[in-house]
PDB file of N, CA and C in Angstrom:
ATOM      1  N   MET A   1     -42.722 144.131  -6.419  1.00  0.00           N
ATOM      2  CA  MET A   1     -41.576 144.766  -5.750  1.00  0.00           C
ATOM      3  C   MET A   1     -40.441 143.838  -5.619  1.00  0.00           C
ATOM      4  N   GLN A   2     -40.613 142.602  -5.271  1.00  0.00           N
ATOM      5  CA  GLN A   2     -39.535 141.609  -5.156  1.00  0.00           C
ATOM      6  C   GLN A   2     -38.803 141.458  -6.521  1.00  0.00           C
ATOM      7  N   THR A   3     -39.562 141.407  -7.613  1.00  0.00           N
ATOM      8  CA  THR A   3     -38.961 141.274  -8.907  1.00  0.00           C
ATOM      9  C   THR A   3     -38.004 142.460  -9.201  1.00  0.00           C
ATOM     10  N   MET A   4     -38.483 143.646  -8.886  1.00  0.00           N
ATOM     11  CA  MET A   4     -37.550 144.854  -9.107  1.00  0.00           C
ATOM     12  C   MET A   4     -36.262 144.697  -8.338  1.00  0.00           C
ATOM     13  N   GLN A   5     -36.323 144.268  -7.114  1.00  0.00           N
ATOM     14  CA  GLN A   5     -35.110 144.137  -6.268  1.00  0.00           C
ATOM     15  C   GLN A   5     -34.204 143.033  -6.925  1.00  0.00           C
ATOM     16  N   THR A   6     -34.787 141.940  -7.298  1.00  0.00           N
ATOM     17  CA  THR A   6     -33.980 140.883  -7.872  1.00  0.00           C
ATOM     18  C   THR A   6     -33.283 141.366  -9.112  1.00  0.00           C
ATOM     19  N   ASN A   7     -33.964 142.036  -9.987  1.00  0.00           N
ATOM     20  CA  ASN A   7     -33.340 142.508 -11.194  1.00  0.00           C
ATOM     21  C   ASN A   7     -32.280 143.590 -10.893  1.00  0.00           C
ATOM     22  N   GLN A   8     -32.485 144.413  -9.868  1.00  0.00           N
ATOM     23  CA  GLN A   8     -31.495 145.421  -9.472  1.00  0.00           C
ATOM     24  C   GLN A   8     -30.202 144.796  -8.988  1.00  0.00           C
ATOM     25  N   TYR A   9     -30.245 143.815  -8.134  1.00  0.00           N
ATOM     26  CA  TYR A   9     -28.984 143.221  -7.585  1.00  0.00           C
ATOM     27  C   TYR A   9     -28.334 142.378  -8.715  1.00  0.00           C
ATOM     28  N   GLU A  10     -29.041 141.684  -9.421  1.00  0.00           N
ATOM     29  CA  GLU A  10     -28.500 140.875 -10.557  1.00  0.00           C
ATOM     30  C   GLU A  10     -27.833 141.775 -11.528  1.00  0.00           C
ATOM     31  N   GLN A  11     -28.449 142.903 -11.789  1.00  0.00           N
ATOM     32  CA  GLN A  11     -27.874 143.892 -12.693  1.00  0.00           C
ATOM     33  C   GLN A  11     -26.556 144.414 -12.163  1.00  0.00           C
ATOM     34  N   LYS A  12     -26.491 144.664 -10.912  1.00  0.00           N
ATOM     35  CA  LYS A  12     -25.228 145.156 -10.250  1.00  0.00           C
ATOM     36  C   LYS A  12     -24.064 144.169 -10.475  1.00  0.00           C
ATOM     37  N   VAL A  13     -24.446 142.855 -10.357  1.00  0.00           N
ATOM     38  CA  VAL A  13     -23.481 141.815 -10.568  1.00  0.00           C
ATOM     39  C   VAL A  13     -23.012 141.755 -12.018  1.00  0.00           C
ATOM     40  N   MET A  14     -23.987 141.855 -12.951  1.00  0.00           N
ATOM     41  CA  MET A  14     -23.653 141.797 -14.301  1.00  0.00           C
ATOM     42  C   MET A  14     -22.839 143.070 -14.774  1.00  0.00           C
ATOM     43  N   ASP A  15     -23.235 144.233 -14.259  1.00  0.00           N
ATOM     44  CA  ASP A  15     -22.423 145.461 -14.520  1.00  0.00           C
ATOM     45  C   ASP A  15     -20.975 145.272 -14.057  1.00  0.00           C
ATOM     46  N   TRP A  16     -20.806 144.693 -12.896  1.00  0.00           N
ATOM     47  CA  TRP A  16     -19.415 144.538 -12.334  1.00  0.00           C
ATOM     48  C   TRP A  16     -18.654 143.627 -13.283  1.00  0.00           C
ATOM     49  N   ILE A  17     -19.222 142.519 -13.726  1.00  0.00           N
ATOM     50  CA  ILE A  17     -18.583 141.548 -14.610  1.00  0.00           C
ATOM     51  C   ILE A  17     -18.247 142.292 -15.954  1.00  0.00           C
ATOM     52  N   GLU A  18     -19.198 142.945 -16.480  1.00  0.00           N
ATOM     53  CA  GLU A  18     -18.939 143.661 -17.801  1.00  0.00           C
ATOM     54  C   GLU A  18     -17.848 144.699 -17.723  1.00  0.00           C
ATOM     55  N   ASP A  19     -17.781 145.289 -16.530  1.00  0.00           N
ATOM     56  CA  ASP A  19     -16.723 146.366 -16.291  1.00  0.00           C
ATOM     57  C   ASP A  19     -15.344 145.739 -16.199  1.00  0.00           C
ATOM     58  N   LYS A  20     -15.188 144.520 -15.660  1.00  0.00           N
ATOM     59  CA  LYS A  20     -13.930 143.899 -15.357  1.00  0.00           C
ATOM     60  C   LYS A  20     -13.410 142.955 -16.480  1.00  0.00           C
ATOM     61  N   PHE A  21     -14.296 142.416 -17.322  1.00  0.00           N
ATOM     62  CA  PHE A  21     -13.865 141.341 -18.245  1.00  0.00           C
ATOM     63  C   PHE A  21     -14.282 141.685 -19.643  1.00  0.00           C
ATOM     64  N   ASP A  22     -13.496 141.089 -20.579  1.00  0.00           N
ATOM     65  CA  ASP A  22     -13.886 141.058 -21.972  1.00  0.00           C
ATOM     66  C   ASP A  22     -14.956 139.975 -22.156  1.00  0.00           C
ATOM     67  N   MET A  23     -16.142 140.357 -22.442  1.00  0.00           N
ATOM     68  CA  MET A  23     -17.297 139.472 -22.425  1.00  0.00           C
ATOM     69  C   MET A  23     -17.116 138.393 -23.559  1.00  0.00           C
ATOM     70  N   ASP A  24     -16.309 138.591 -24.506  1.00  0.00           N
ATOM     71  CA  ASP A  24     -16.121 137.616 -25.547  1.00  0.00           C
ATOM     72  C   ASP A  24     -15.098 136.514 -25.112  1.00  0.00           C
ATOM     73  N   SER A  25     -14.435 136.712 -23.937  1.00  0.00           N
ATOM     74  CA  SER A  25     -13.480 135.787 -23.536  1.00  0.00           C
ATOM     75  C   SER A  25     -13.853 134.970 -22.318  1.00  0.00           C
ATOM     76  N   ILE A  26     -15.083 135.128 -21.877  1.00  0.00           N
ATOM     77  CA  ILE A  26     -15.562 134.378 -20.673  1.00  0.00           C
ATOM     78  C   ILE A  26     -16.949 133.718 -20.981  1.00  0.00           C
ATOM     79  N   VAL A  27     -17.248 132.755 -20.158  1.00  0.00           N
ATOM     80  CA  VAL A  27     -18.607 132.139 -20.138  1.00  0.00           C
ATOM     81  C   VAL A  27     -19.155 132.386 -18.744  1.00  0.00           C
ATOM     82  N   ILE A  28     -20.390 132.816 -18.706  1.00  0.00           N
ATOM     83  CA  ILE A  28     -21.081 133.121 -17.448  1.00  0.00           C
ATOM     84  C   ILE A  28     -22.227 132.133 -17.270  1.00  0.00           C
ATOM     85  N   GLU A  29     -22.294 131.578 -16.083  1.00  0.00           N
ATOM     86  CA  GLU A  29     -23.355 130.664 -15.687  1.00  0.00           C
ATOM     87  C   GLU A  29     -23.971 131.137 -14.384  1.00  0.00           C
ATOM     88  N   ASP A  30     -25.237 130.878 -14.224  1.00  0.00           N
ATOM     89  CA  ASP A  30     -25.879 131.175 -12.910  1.00  0.00           C
ATOM     90  C   ASP A  30     -25.222 130.290 -11.856  1.00  0.00           C
ATOM     91  N   PHE A  31     -25.001 130.827 -10.717  1.00  0.00           N
ATOM     92  CA  PHE A  31     -24.362 130.123  -9.581  1.00  0.00           C
ATOM     93  C   PHE A  31     -25.218 130.424  -8.316  1.00  0.00           C
ATOM     94  N   ASN A  32     -26.273 129.746  -8.200  1.00  0.00           N
ATOM     95  CA  ASN A  32     -27.336 130.034  -7.211  1.00  0.00           C
ATOM     96  C   ASN A  32     -26.897 129.685  -5.766  1.00  0.00           C
ATOM     97  N   VAL A  33     -25.727 129.221  -5.595  1.00  0.00           N
ATOM     98  CA  VAL A  33     -25.224 128.918  -4.211  1.00  0.00           C
ATOM     99  C   VAL A  33     -25.012 130.252  -3.447  1.00  0.00           C
ATOM    100  N   MET A  34     -24.806 131.357  -4.191  1.00  0.00           N
ATOM    101  CA  MET A  34     -24.582 132.690  -3.596  1.00  0.00           C
ATOM    102  C   MET A  34     -25.642 133.656  -4.064  1.00  0.00           C
ATOM    103  N   PRO A  35     -25.902 134.681  -3.332  1.00  0.00           N
ATOM    104  CA  PRO A  35     -26.938 135.611  -3.789  1.00  0.00           C
ATOM    105  C   PRO A  35     -26.652 136.258  -5.146  1.00  0.00           C
ATOM    106  N   TYR A  36     -27.529 136.038  -6.067  1.00  0.00           N
ATOM    107  CA  TYR A  36     -27.387 136.589  -7.463  1.00  0.00           C
ATOM    108  C   TYR A  36     -26.087 136.204  -8.055  1.00  0.00           C
ATOM    109  N   GLY A  37     -25.544 134.952  -7.614  1.00  0.00           N
ATOM    110  CA  GLY A  37     -24.258 134.532  -8.047  1.00  0.00           C
ATOM    111  C   GLY A  37     -24.120 134.204  -9.504  1.00  0.00           C
ATOM    112  N   LYS A  38     -22.898 134.481 -10.072  1.00  0.00           N
ATOM    113  CA  LYS A  38     -22.571 134.116 -11.405  1.00  0.00           C
ATOM    114  C   LYS A  38     -21.198 133.383 -11.322  1.00  0.00           C
ATOM    115  N   ARG A  39     -21.126 132.283 -12.058  1.00  0.00           N
ATOM    116  CA  ARG A  39     -19.844 131.600 -12.184  1.00  0.00           C
ATOM    117  C   ARG A  39     -19.221 132.007 -13.501  1.00  0.00           C
ATOM    118  N   ILE A  40     -17.941 132.510 -13.461  1.00  0.00           N
ATOM    119  CA  ILE A  40     -17.288 132.977 -14.642  1.00  0.00           C
ATOM    120  C   ILE A  40     -16.123 132.042 -14.922  1.00  0.00           C
ATOM    121  N   MET A  41     -16.048 131.565 -16.200  1.00  0.00           N
ATOM    122  CA  MET A  41     -14.962 130.701 -16.624  1.00  0.00           C
ATOM    123  C   MET A  41     -14.325 131.364 -17.836  1.00  0.00           C
ATOM    124  N   ASP A  42     -13.001 131.381 -17.836  1.00  0.00           N
ATOM    125  CA  ASP A  42     -12.286 131.832 -19.005  1.00  0.00           C
ATOM    126  C   ASP A  42     -11.729 130.723 -19.901  1.00  0.00           C
ATOM    127  N   MET A  43     -11.184 131.041 -20.965  1.00  0.00           N
ATOM    128  CA  MET A  43     -10.772 130.050 -21.925  1.00  0.00           C
ATOM    129  C   MET A  43      -9.645 129.168 -21.506  1.00  0.00           C
ATOM    130  N   GLN A  44      -8.921 129.482 -20.398  1.00  0.00           N
ATOM    131  CA  GLN A  44      -7.905 128.713 -19.897  1.00  0.00           C
ATOM    132  C   GLN A  44      -8.380 127.788 -18.747  1.00  0.00           C
ATOM    133  N   GLY A  45      -9.675 127.764 -18.496  1.00  0.00           N
ATOM    134  CA  GLY A  45     -10.232 126.936 -17.497  1.00  0.00           C
ATOM    135  C   GLY A  45     -10.239 127.497 -16.066  1.00  0.00           C
ATOM    136  N   GLN A  46      -9.834 128.729 -15.919  1.00  0.00           N
ATOM    137  CA  GLN A  46      -9.840 129.406 -14.645  1.00  0.00           C
ATOM    138  C   GLN A  46     -11.300 129.823 -14.336  1.00  0.00           C
ATOM    139  N   GLU A  47     -11.670 129.876 -13.101  1.00  0.00           N
ATOM    140  CA  GLU A  47     -12.997 130.218 -12.787  1.00  0.00           C
ATOM    141  C   GLU A  47     -13.081 131.080 -11.481  1.00  0.00           C
ATOM    142  N   MET A  48     -14.187 131.745 -11.283  1.00  0.00           N
ATOM    143  CA  MET A  48     -14.465 132.484 -10.117  1.00  0.00           C
ATOM    144  C   MET A  48     -15.906 132.685  -9.937  1.00  0.00           C
ATOM    145  N   ALA A  49     -16.405 133.010  -8.734  1.00  0.00           N
ATOM    146  CA  ALA A  49     -17.794 133.272  -8.481  1.00  0.00           C
ATOM    147  C   ALA A  49     -17.949 134.818  -8.155  1.00  0.00           C
ATOM    148  N   VAL A  50     -18.936 135.421  -8.661  1.00  0.00           N
ATOM    149  CA  VAL A  50     -19.282 136.800  -8.428  1.00  0.00           C
ATOM    150  C   VAL A  50     -20.700 136.846  -7.857  1.00  0.00           C
ATOM    151  N   PHE A  51     -20.842 137.626  -6.792  1.00  0.00           N
ATOM    152  CA  PHE A  51     -22.154 137.632  -6.146  1.00  0.00           C
ATOM    153  C   PHE A  51     -22.448 138.980  -5.433  1.00  0.00           C
ATOM    154  N   PHE A  52     -23.650 139.224  -5.012  1.00  0.00           N
ATOM    155  CA  PHE A  52     -24.025 140.440  -4.315  1.00  0.00           C
ATOM    156  C   PHE A  52     -24.012 140.162  -2.846  1.00  0.00           C
ATOM    157  N   ASP A  53     -23.313 140.935  -2.091  1.00  0.00           N
ATOM    158  CA  ASP A  53     -23.210 140.853  -0.613  1.00  0.00           C
ATOM    159  C   ASP A  53     -24.186 141.876   0.049  1.00  0.00           C
ATOM    160  N   TYR A  54     -25.261 141.349   0.584  1.00  0.00           N
ATOM    161  CA  TYR A  54     -26.334 142.238   1.148  1.00  0.00           C
ATOM    162  C   TYR A  54     -25.805 143.087   2.319  1.00  0.00           C
ATOM    163  N   TRP A  55     -24.904 142.504   3.117  1.00  0.00           N
ATOM    164  CA  TRP A  55     -24.486 143.217   4.330  1.00  0.00           C
ATOM    165  C   TRP A  55     -23.644 144.464   3.978  1.00  0.00           C
ATOM    166  N   THR A  56     -22.842 144.331   2.914  1.00  0.00           N
ATOM    167  CA  THR A  56     -21.998 145.449   2.611  1.00  0.00           C
ATOM    168  C   THR A  56     -22.599 146.287   1.406  1.00  0.00           C
ATOM    169  N   ASP A  57     -23.626 145.831   0.809  1.00  0.00           N
ATOM    170  CA  ASP A  57     -24.255 146.411  -0.388  1.00  0.00           C
ATOM    171  C   ASP A  57     -23.233 146.556  -1.490  1.00  0.00           C
ATOM    172  N   GLN A  58     -22.439 145.438  -1.684  1.00  0.00           N
ATOM    173  CA  GLN A  58     -21.381 145.527  -2.728  1.00  0.00           C
ATOM    174  C   GLN A  58     -21.393 144.138  -3.490  1.00  0.00           C
ATOM    175  N   VAL A  59     -20.849 144.255  -4.704  1.00  0.00           N
ATOM    176  CA  VAL A  59     -20.603 143.086  -5.522  1.00  0.00           C
ATOM    177  C   VAL A  59     -19.218 142.563  -5.127  1.00  0.00           C
ATOM    178  N   LYS A  60     -19.140 141.247  -4.846  1.00  0.00           N
ATOM    179  CA  LYS A  60     -17.847 140.667  -4.375  1.00  0.00           C
ATOM    180  C   LYS A  60     -17.560 139.464  -5.245  1.00  0.00           C
ATOM    181  N   HIS A  61     -16.284 139.017  -5.178  1.00  0.00           N
ATOM    182  CA  HIS A  61     -15.916 137.853  -5.932  1.00  0.00           C
ATOM    183  C   HIS A  61     -15.091 136.883  -5.037  1.00  0.00           C
ATOM    184  N   ILE A  62     -15.044 135.664  -5.424  1.00  0.00           N
ATOM    185  CA  ILE A  62     -14.238 134.734  -4.696  1.00  0.00           C
ATOM    186  C   ILE A  62     -13.633 133.726  -5.734  1.00  0.00           C
ATOM    187  N   LEU A  63     -12.382 133.329  -5.487  1.00  0.00           N
ATOM    188  CA  LEU A  63     -11.690 132.372  -6.326  1.00  0.00           C
ATOM    189  C   LEU A  63     -11.696 131.011  -5.640  1.00  0.00           C
ATOM    190  N   PRO A  64     -11.683 129.947  -6.388  1.00  0.00           N
ATOM    191  CA  PRO A  64     -11.723 128.616  -5.746  1.00  0.00           C
ATOM    192  C   PRO A  64     -10.657 128.351  -4.688  1.00  0.00           C
ATOM    193  N   GLN A  65      -9.443 128.875  -4.965  1.00  0.00           N
ATOM    194  CA  GLN A  65      -8.347 128.641  -3.985  1.00  0.00           C
ATOM    195  C   GLN A  65      -8.531 129.403  -2.685  1.00  0.00           C
ATOM    196  N   GLU A  66      -9.470 130.395  -2.656  1.00  0.00           N
ATOM    197  CA  GLU A  66      -9.717 131.143  -1.439  1.00  0.00           C
ATOM    198  C   GLU A  66     -10.744 130.405  -0.503  1.00  0.00           C
ATOM    199  N   CYS A  67     -11.354 129.364  -1.045  1.00  0.00           N
ATOM    200  CA  CYS A  67     -12.332 128.601  -0.284  1.00  0.00           C
ATOM    201  C   CYS A  67     -11.615 127.529   0.581  1.00  0.00           C
ATOM    202  N   SER A  68     -12.121 127.359   1.782  1.00  0.00           N
ATOM    203  CA  SER A  68     -11.530 126.302   2.647  1.00  0.00           C
ATOM    204  C   SER A  68     -12.709 125.428   3.144  1.00  0.00           C
ATOM    205  N   TYR A  69     -12.614 124.164   2.742  1.00  0.00           N
ATOM    206  CA  TYR A  69     -13.706 123.252   3.144  1.00  0.00           C
ATOM    207  C   TYR A  69     -13.198 122.281   4.127  1.00  0.00           C
TER     208      TYR A  69
END
């Protein structure tokens, strides 16, 4: 059961990415800091993180400049 849920949430993240980006123009890496997170980098060096938010049941993204440490 857990494997099915993992695949379902990760698939939602990947579907969102495929819907928003030209897959030939980006590099995707696992970004395990966030739930089912993916780090996306484009050819100009820009990056963002995409992840699944359990509380809202939505795929969300965050840009490095939006983070405050």
